[in-house]
Amino acid sequence: MLQNSMQAYLIVSAAIFGIVAIIHLVRAVNTWAFVIGPVTIPVTVSWVGFVLTAALCLWSIRLFTS
């Protein structure tokens, strides 16, 4: 039972991190502006976000397959 729960958790985590990584990548490649109130978030934040979320996605996949 616990094994199935852990596998489900890893699949959901990998999917969520993968989707967020793709969103960061698309924003960075297209240099879309992201503004929160008076603050403009630089595109470099999306590059860092892409690297981090892609790494977390790959880590979840690695744990799932091991």
PDB file of N, CA and C in Angstrom:
ATOM      1  N   MET A   1       0.824  -1.189   0.000  1.00  0.00           N
ATOM      2  CA  MET A   1       0.000   0.000   0.000  1.00  0.00           C
ATOM      3  C   MET A   1       0.872   1.258   0.000  1.00  0.00           C
ATOM      4  N   LEU A   2       1.855   1.288   0.878  1.00  0.00           N
ATOM      5  CA  LEU A   2       2.730   2.454   0.956  1.00  0.00           C
ATOM      6  C   LEU A   2       3.527   2.621  -0.330  1.00  0.00           C
ATOM      7  N   GLN A   3       3.946   1.523  -0.917  1.00  0.00           N
ATOM      8  CA  GLN A   3       4.710   1.573  -2.165  1.00  0.00           C
ATOM      9  C   GLN A   3       3.879   2.216  -3.274  1.00  0.00           C
ATOM     10  N   ASN A   4       2.590   1.853  -3.370  1.00  0.00           N
ATOM     11  CA  ASN A   4       1.715   2.439  -4.389  1.00  0.00           C
ATOM     12  C   ASN A   4       1.516   3.928  -4.151  1.00  0.00           C
ATOM     13  N   SER A   5       1.392   4.325  -2.901  1.00  0.00           N
ATOM     14  CA  SER A   5       1.228   5.740  -2.576  1.00  0.00           C
ATOM     15  C   SER A   5       2.477   6.524  -2.951  1.00  0.00           C
ATOM     16  N   MET A   6       3.638   5.956  -2.696  1.00  0.00           N
ATOM     17  CA  MET A   6       4.884   6.627  -3.027  1.00  0.00           C
ATOM     18  C   MET A   6       5.040   6.753  -4.542  1.00  0.00           C
ATOM     19  N   GLN A   7       4.683   5.722  -5.277  1.00  0.00           N
ATOM     20  CA  GLN A   7       4.768   5.782  -6.729  1.00  0.00           C
ATOM     21  C   GLN A   7       3.812   6.834  -7.283  1.00  0.00           C
ATOM     22  N   ALA A   8       2.607   6.898  -6.751  1.00  0.00           N
ATOM     23  CA  ALA A   8       1.640   7.909  -7.193  1.00  0.00           C
ATOM     24  C   ALA A   8       2.166   9.312  -6.894  1.00  0.00           C
ATOM     25  N   TYR A   9       2.749   9.486  -5.729  1.00  0.00           N
ATOM     26  CA  TYR A   9       3.324  10.784  -5.352  1.00  0.00           C
ATOM     27  C   TYR A   9       4.425  11.192  -6.322  1.00  0.00           C
ATOM     28  N   LEU A  10       5.298  10.267  -6.669  1.00  0.00           N
ATOM     29  CA  LEU A  10       6.401  10.577  -7.572  1.00  0.00           C
ATOM     30  C   LEU A  10       5.900  10.912  -8.978  1.00  0.00           C
ATOM     31  N   ILE A  11       4.871  10.226  -9.441  1.00  0.00           N
ATOM     32  CA  ILE A  11       4.306  10.520 -10.758  1.00  0.00           C
ATOM     33  C   ILE A  11       3.684  11.913 -10.774  1.00  0.00           C
ATOM     34  N   VAL A  12       2.914  12.230  -9.748  1.00  0.00           N
ATOM     35  CA  VAL A  12       2.276  13.549  -9.669  1.00  0.00           C
ATOM     36  C   VAL A  12       3.333  14.639  -9.548  1.00  0.00           C
ATOM     37  N   SER A  13       4.344  14.411  -8.720  1.00  0.00           N
ATOM     38  CA  SER A  13       5.421  15.399  -8.562  1.00  0.00           C
ATOM     39  C   SER A  13       6.149  15.629  -9.877  1.00  0.00           C
ATOM     40  N   ALA A  14       6.483  14.566 -10.575  1.00  0.00           N
ATOM     41  CA  ALA A  14       7.186  14.697 -11.854  1.00  0.00           C
ATOM     42  C   ALA A  14       6.326  15.450 -12.860  1.00  0.00           C
ATOM     43  N   ALA A  15       5.037  15.173 -12.893  1.00  0.00           N
ATOM     44  CA  ALA A  15       4.147  15.851 -13.843  1.00  0.00           C
ATOM     45  C   ALA A  15       4.046  17.337 -13.535  1.00  0.00           C
ATOM     46  N   ILE A  16       3.857  17.675 -12.281  1.00  0.00           N
ATOM     47  CA  ILE A  16       3.725  19.088 -11.900  1.00  0.00           C
ATOM     48  C   ILE A  16       5.023  19.840 -12.170  1.00  0.00           C
ATOM     49  N   PHE A  17       6.147  19.290 -11.743  1.00  0.00           N
ATOM     50  CA  PHE A  17       7.429  19.949 -11.985  1.00  0.00           C
ATOM     51  C   PHE A  17       7.723  20.049 -13.484  1.00  0.00           C
ATOM     52  N   GLY A  18       7.347  19.032 -14.243  1.00  0.00           N
ATOM     53  CA  GLY A  18       7.549  19.068 -15.689  1.00  0.00           C
ATOM     54  C   GLY A  18       6.737  20.165 -16.354  1.00  0.00           C
ATOM     55  N   ILE A  19       5.478  20.311 -15.950  1.00  0.00           N
ATOM     56  CA  ILE A  19       4.626  21.361 -16.514  1.00  0.00           C
ATOM     57  C   ILE A  19       5.176  22.743 -16.173  1.00  0.00           C
ATOM     58  N   VAL A  20       5.577  22.926 -14.928  1.00  0.00           N
ATOM     59  CA  VAL A  20       6.126  24.226 -14.517  1.00  0.00           C
ATOM     60  C   VAL A  20       7.436  24.505 -15.261  1.00  0.00           C
ATOM     61  N   ALA A  21       8.256  23.484 -15.465  1.00  0.00           N
ATOM     62  CA  ALA A  21       9.506  23.666 -16.204  1.00  0.00           C
ATOM     63  C   ALA A  21       9.228  24.098 -17.642  1.00  0.00           C
ATOM     64  N   ILE A  22       8.240  23.482 -18.274  1.00  0.00           N
ATOM     65  CA  ILE A  22       7.890  23.846 -19.650  1.00  0.00           C
ATOM     66  C   ILE A  22       7.391  25.288 -19.713  1.00  0.00           C
ATOM     67  N   ILE A  23       6.577  25.684 -18.742  1.00  0.00           N
ATOM     68  CA  ILE A  23       6.078  27.062 -18.705  1.00  0.00           C
ATOM     69  C   ILE A  23       7.242  28.051 -18.574  1.00  0.00           C
ATOM     70  N   HIS A  24       8.189  27.749 -17.686  1.00  0.00           N
ATOM     71  CA  HIS A  24       9.367  28.617 -17.529  1.00  0.00           C
ATOM     72  C   HIS A  24      10.169  28.683 -18.834  1.00  0.00           C
ATOM     73  N   LEU A  25      10.350  27.550 -19.475  1.00  0.00           N
ATOM     74  CA  LEU A  25      11.127  27.510 -20.711  1.00  0.00           C
ATOM     75  C   LEU A  25      10.446  28.318 -21.810  1.00  0.00           C
ATOM     76  N   VAL A  26       9.156  28.153 -21.969  1.00  0.00           N
ATOM     77  CA  VAL A  26       8.425  28.891 -23.006  1.00  0.00           C
ATOM     78  C   VAL A  26       8.507  30.394 -22.751  1.00  0.00           C
ATOM     79  N   ARG A  27       8.342  30.799 -21.493  1.00  0.00           N
ATOM     80  CA  ARG A  27       8.441  32.223 -21.162  1.00  0.00           C
ATOM     81  C   ARG A  27       9.846  32.755 -21.454  1.00  0.00           C
ATOM     82  N   ALA A  28      10.862  31.999 -21.098  1.00  0.00           N
ATOM     83  CA  ALA A  28      12.237  32.455 -21.299  1.00  0.00           C
ATOM     84  C   ALA A  28      12.595  32.535 -22.780  1.00  0.00           C
ATOM     85  N   VAL A  29      12.193  31.543 -23.546  1.00  0.00           N
ATOM     86  CA  VAL A  29      12.521  31.532 -24.975  1.00  0.00           C
ATOM     87  C   VAL A  29      11.810  32.673 -25.701  1.00  0.00           C
ATOM     88  N   ASN A  30      10.559  32.928 -25.343  1.00  0.00           N
ATOM     89  CA  ASN A  30       9.785  33.979 -26.005  1.00  0.00           C
ATOM     90  C   ASN A  30       9.994  35.360 -25.385  1.00  0.00           C
ATOM     91  N   THR A  31      10.781  35.436 -24.342  1.00  0.00           N
ATOM     92  CA  THR A  31      11.048  36.677 -23.591  1.00  0.00           C
ATOM     93  C   THR A  31       9.769  37.436 -23.254  1.00  0.00           C
ATOM     94  N   TRP A  32       8.772  36.708 -22.775  1.00  0.00           N
ATOM     95  CA  TRP A  32       7.518  37.322 -22.368  1.00  0.00           C
ATOM     96  C   TRP A  32       7.713  38.100 -21.074  1.00  0.00           C
ATOM     97  N   ALA A  33       7.093  39.238 -20.989  1.00  0.00           N
ATOM     98  CA  ALA A  33       7.161  40.054 -19.777  1.00  0.00           C
ATOM     99  C   ALA A  33       6.256  39.437 -18.712  1.00  0.00           C
ATOM    100  N   PHE A  34       6.703  39.525 -17.477  1.00  0.00           N
ATOM    101  CA  PHE A  34       5.909  39.064 -16.336  1.00  0.00           C
ATOM    102  C   PHE A  34       5.947  40.181 -15.312  1.00  0.00           C
ATOM    103  N   VAL A  35       4.800  40.804 -15.115  1.00  0.00           N
ATOM    104  CA  VAL A  35       4.727  41.980 -14.260  1.00  0.00           C
ATOM    105  C   VAL A  35       3.779  41.694 -13.108  1.00  0.00           C
ATOM    106  N   ILE A  36       4.249  41.967 -11.896  1.00  0.00           N
ATOM    107  CA  ILE A  36       3.425  41.867 -10.690  1.00  0.00           C
ATOM    108  C   ILE A  36       3.387  43.256 -10.080  1.00  0.00           C
ATOM    109  N   GLY A  37       2.262  43.929 -10.278  1.00  0.00           N
ATOM    110  CA  GLY A  37       2.149  45.304  -9.802  1.00  0.00           C
ATOM    111  C   GLY A  37       3.182  46.165 -10.496  1.00  0.00           C
ATOM    112  N   PRO A  38       3.968  46.899  -9.732  1.00  0.00           N
ATOM    113  CA  PRO A  38       4.984  47.762 -10.356  1.00  0.00           C
ATOM    114  C   PRO A  38       6.303  47.043 -10.645  1.00  0.00           C
ATOM    115  N   VAL A  39       6.390  45.760 -10.334  1.00  0.00           N
ATOM    116  CA  VAL A  39       7.649  45.022 -10.463  1.00  0.00           C
ATOM    117  C   VAL A  39       7.620  44.142 -11.710  1.00  0.00           C
ATOM    118  N   THR A  40       8.654  44.272 -12.540  1.00  0.00           N
ATOM    119  CA  THR A  40       8.821  43.410 -13.704  1.00  0.00           C
ATOM    120  C   THR A  40       9.841  42.326 -13.359  1.00  0.00           C
ATOM    121  N   ILE A  41       9.427  41.070 -13.508  1.00  0.00           N
ATOM    122  CA  ILE A  41      10.298  39.932 -13.197  1.00  0.00           C
ATOM    123  C   ILE A  41      11.202  39.684 -14.410  1.00  0.00           C
ATOM    124  N   PRO A  42      12.529  39.682 -14.229  1.00  0.00           N
ATOM    125  CA  PRO A  42      13.432  39.479 -15.366  1.00  0.00           C
ATOM    126  C   PRO A  42      13.326  38.060 -15.936  1.00  0.00           C
ATOM    127  N   VAL A  43      13.675  37.918 -17.196  1.00  0.00           N
ATOM    128  CA  VAL A  43      13.613  36.622 -17.875  1.00  0.00           C
ATOM    129  C   VAL A  43      14.608  35.631 -17.263  1.00  0.00           C
ATOM    130  N   THR A  44      15.695  36.133 -16.686  1.00  0.00           N
ATOM    131  CA  THR A  44      16.675  35.228 -16.070  1.00  0.00           C
ATOM    132  C   THR A  44      16.058  34.409 -14.937  1.00  0.00           C
ATOM    133  N   VAL A  45      15.030  34.944 -14.303  1.00  0.00           N
ATOM    134  CA  VAL A  45      14.335  34.191 -13.245  1.00  0.00           C
ATOM    135  C   VAL A  45      13.691  32.941 -13.843  1.00  0.00           C
ATOM    136  N   SER A  46      13.153  33.062 -15.051  1.00  0.00           N
ATOM    137  CA  SER A  46      12.556  31.892 -15.701  1.00  0.00           C
ATOM    138  C   SER A  46      13.609  30.868 -16.102  1.00  0.00           C
ATOM    139  N   TRP A  47      14.798  31.328 -16.496  1.00  0.00           N
ATOM    140  CA  TRP A  47      15.860  30.363 -16.814  1.00  0.00           C
ATOM    141  C   TRP A  47      16.267  29.581 -15.563  1.00  0.00           C
ATOM    142  N   VAL A  48      16.405  30.276 -14.456  1.00  0.00           N
ATOM    143  CA  VAL A  48      16.739  29.598 -13.191  1.00  0.00           C
ATOM    144  C   VAL A  48      15.590  28.678 -12.784  1.00  0.00           C
ATOM    145  N   GLY A  49      14.365  29.166 -12.912  1.00  0.00           N
ATOM    146  CA  GLY A  49      13.198  28.349 -12.582  1.00  0.00           C
ATOM    147  C   GLY A  49      13.113  27.105 -13.448  1.00  0.00           C
ATOM    148  N   PHE A  50      13.463  27.253 -14.728  1.00  0.00           N
ATOM    149  CA  PHE A  50      13.458  26.089 -15.622  1.00  0.00           C
ATOM    150  C   PHE A  50      14.465  25.039 -15.170  1.00  0.00           C
ATOM    151  N   VAL A  51      15.671  25.471 -14.874  1.00  0.00           N
ATOM    152  CA  VAL A  51      16.715  24.524 -14.461  1.00  0.00           C
ATOM    153  C   VAL A  51      16.315  23.805 -13.179  1.00  0.00           C
ATOM    154  N   LEU A  52      15.814  24.556 -12.210  1.00  0.00           N
ATOM    155  CA  LEU A  52      15.444  23.947 -10.923  1.00  0.00           C
ATOM    156  C   LEU A  52      14.268  22.985 -11.059  1.00  0.00           C
ATOM    157  N   THR A  53      13.212  23.405 -11.745  1.00  0.00           N
ATOM    158  CA  THR A  53      12.040  22.536 -11.843  1.00  0.00           C
ATOM    159  C   THR A  53      12.299  21.340 -12.758  1.00  0.00           C
ATOM    160  N   ALA A  54      13.117  21.520 -13.785  1.00  0.00           N
ATOM    161  CA  ALA A  54      13.475  20.381 -14.628  1.00  0.00           C
ATOM    162  C   ALA A  54      14.301  19.369 -13.836  1.00  0.00           C
ATOM    163  N   ALA A  55      15.196  19.860 -12.996  1.00  0.00           N
ATOM    164  CA  ALA A  55      15.993  18.955 -12.156  1.00  0.00           C
ATOM    165  C   ALA A  55      15.098  18.189 -11.180  1.00  0.00           C
ATOM    166  N   LEU A  56      14.134  18.875 -10.587  1.00  0.00           N
ATOM    167  CA  LEU A  56      13.219  18.195  -9.664  1.00  0.00           C
ATOM    168  C   LEU A  56      12.345  17.179 -10.398  1.00  0.00           C
ATOM    169  N   CYS A  57      11.936  17.501 -11.606  1.00  0.00           N
ATOM    170  CA  CYS A  57      11.161  16.560 -12.412  1.00  0.00           C
ATOM    171  C   CYS A  57      11.986  15.306 -12.711  1.00  0.00           C
ATOM    172  N   LEU A  58      13.216  15.513 -13.165  1.00  0.00           N
ATOM    173  CA  LEU A  58      14.081  14.372 -13.473  1.00  0.00           C
ATOM    174  C   LEU A  58      14.406  13.546 -12.231  1.00  0.00           C
ATOM    175  N   TRP A  59      14.549  14.207 -11.111  1.00  0.00           N
ATOM    176  CA  TRP A  59      14.808  13.494  -9.856  1.00  0.00           C
ATOM    177  C   TRP A  59      13.611  12.613  -9.492  1.00  0.00           C
ATOM    178  N   SER A  60      12.414  13.134  -9.639  1.00  0.00           N
ATOM    179  CA  SER A  60      11.211  12.341  -9.357  1.00  0.00           C
ATOM    180  C   SER A  60      11.111  11.147 -10.288  1.00  0.00           C
ATOM    181  N   ILE A  61      11.422  11.361 -11.560  1.00  0.00           N
ATOM    182  CA  ILE A  61      11.374  10.263 -12.522  1.00  0.00           C
ATOM    183  C   ILE A  61      12.416   9.209 -12.181  1.00  0.00           C
ATOM    184  N   ARG A  62      13.595   9.663 -11.804  1.00  0.00           N
ATOM    185  CA  ARG A  62      14.674   8.721 -11.430  1.00  0.00           C
ATOM    186  C   ARG A  62      14.283   7.880 -10.222  1.00  0.00           C
ATOM    187  N   LEU A  63      13.691   8.527  -9.223  1.00  0.00           N
ATOM    188  CA  LEU A  63      13.260   7.775  -8.047  1.00  0.00           C
ATOM    189  C   LEU A  63      12.134   6.803  -8.380  1.00  0.00           C
ATOM    190  N   PHE A  64      11.243   7.205  -9.276  1.00  0.00           N
ATOM    191  CA  PHE A  64      10.137   6.334  -9.673  1.00  0.00           C
ATOM    192  C   PHE A  64      10.626   5.089 -10.391  1.00  0.00           C
ATOM    193  N   THR A  65      11.649   5.259 -11.242  1.00  0.00           N
ATOM    194  CA  THR A  65      12.123   4.121 -12.035  1.00  0.00           C
ATOM    195  C   THR A  65      13.116   3.232 -11.272  1.00  0.00           C
ATOM    196  N   SER A  66      13.592   3.685 -10.119  1.00  0.00           N
ATOM    197  CA  SER A  66      14.567   2.846  -9.386  1.00  0.00           C
ATOM    198  C   SER A  66      13.879   1.906  -8.418  1.00  0.00           C
TER     199      SER A  66
END
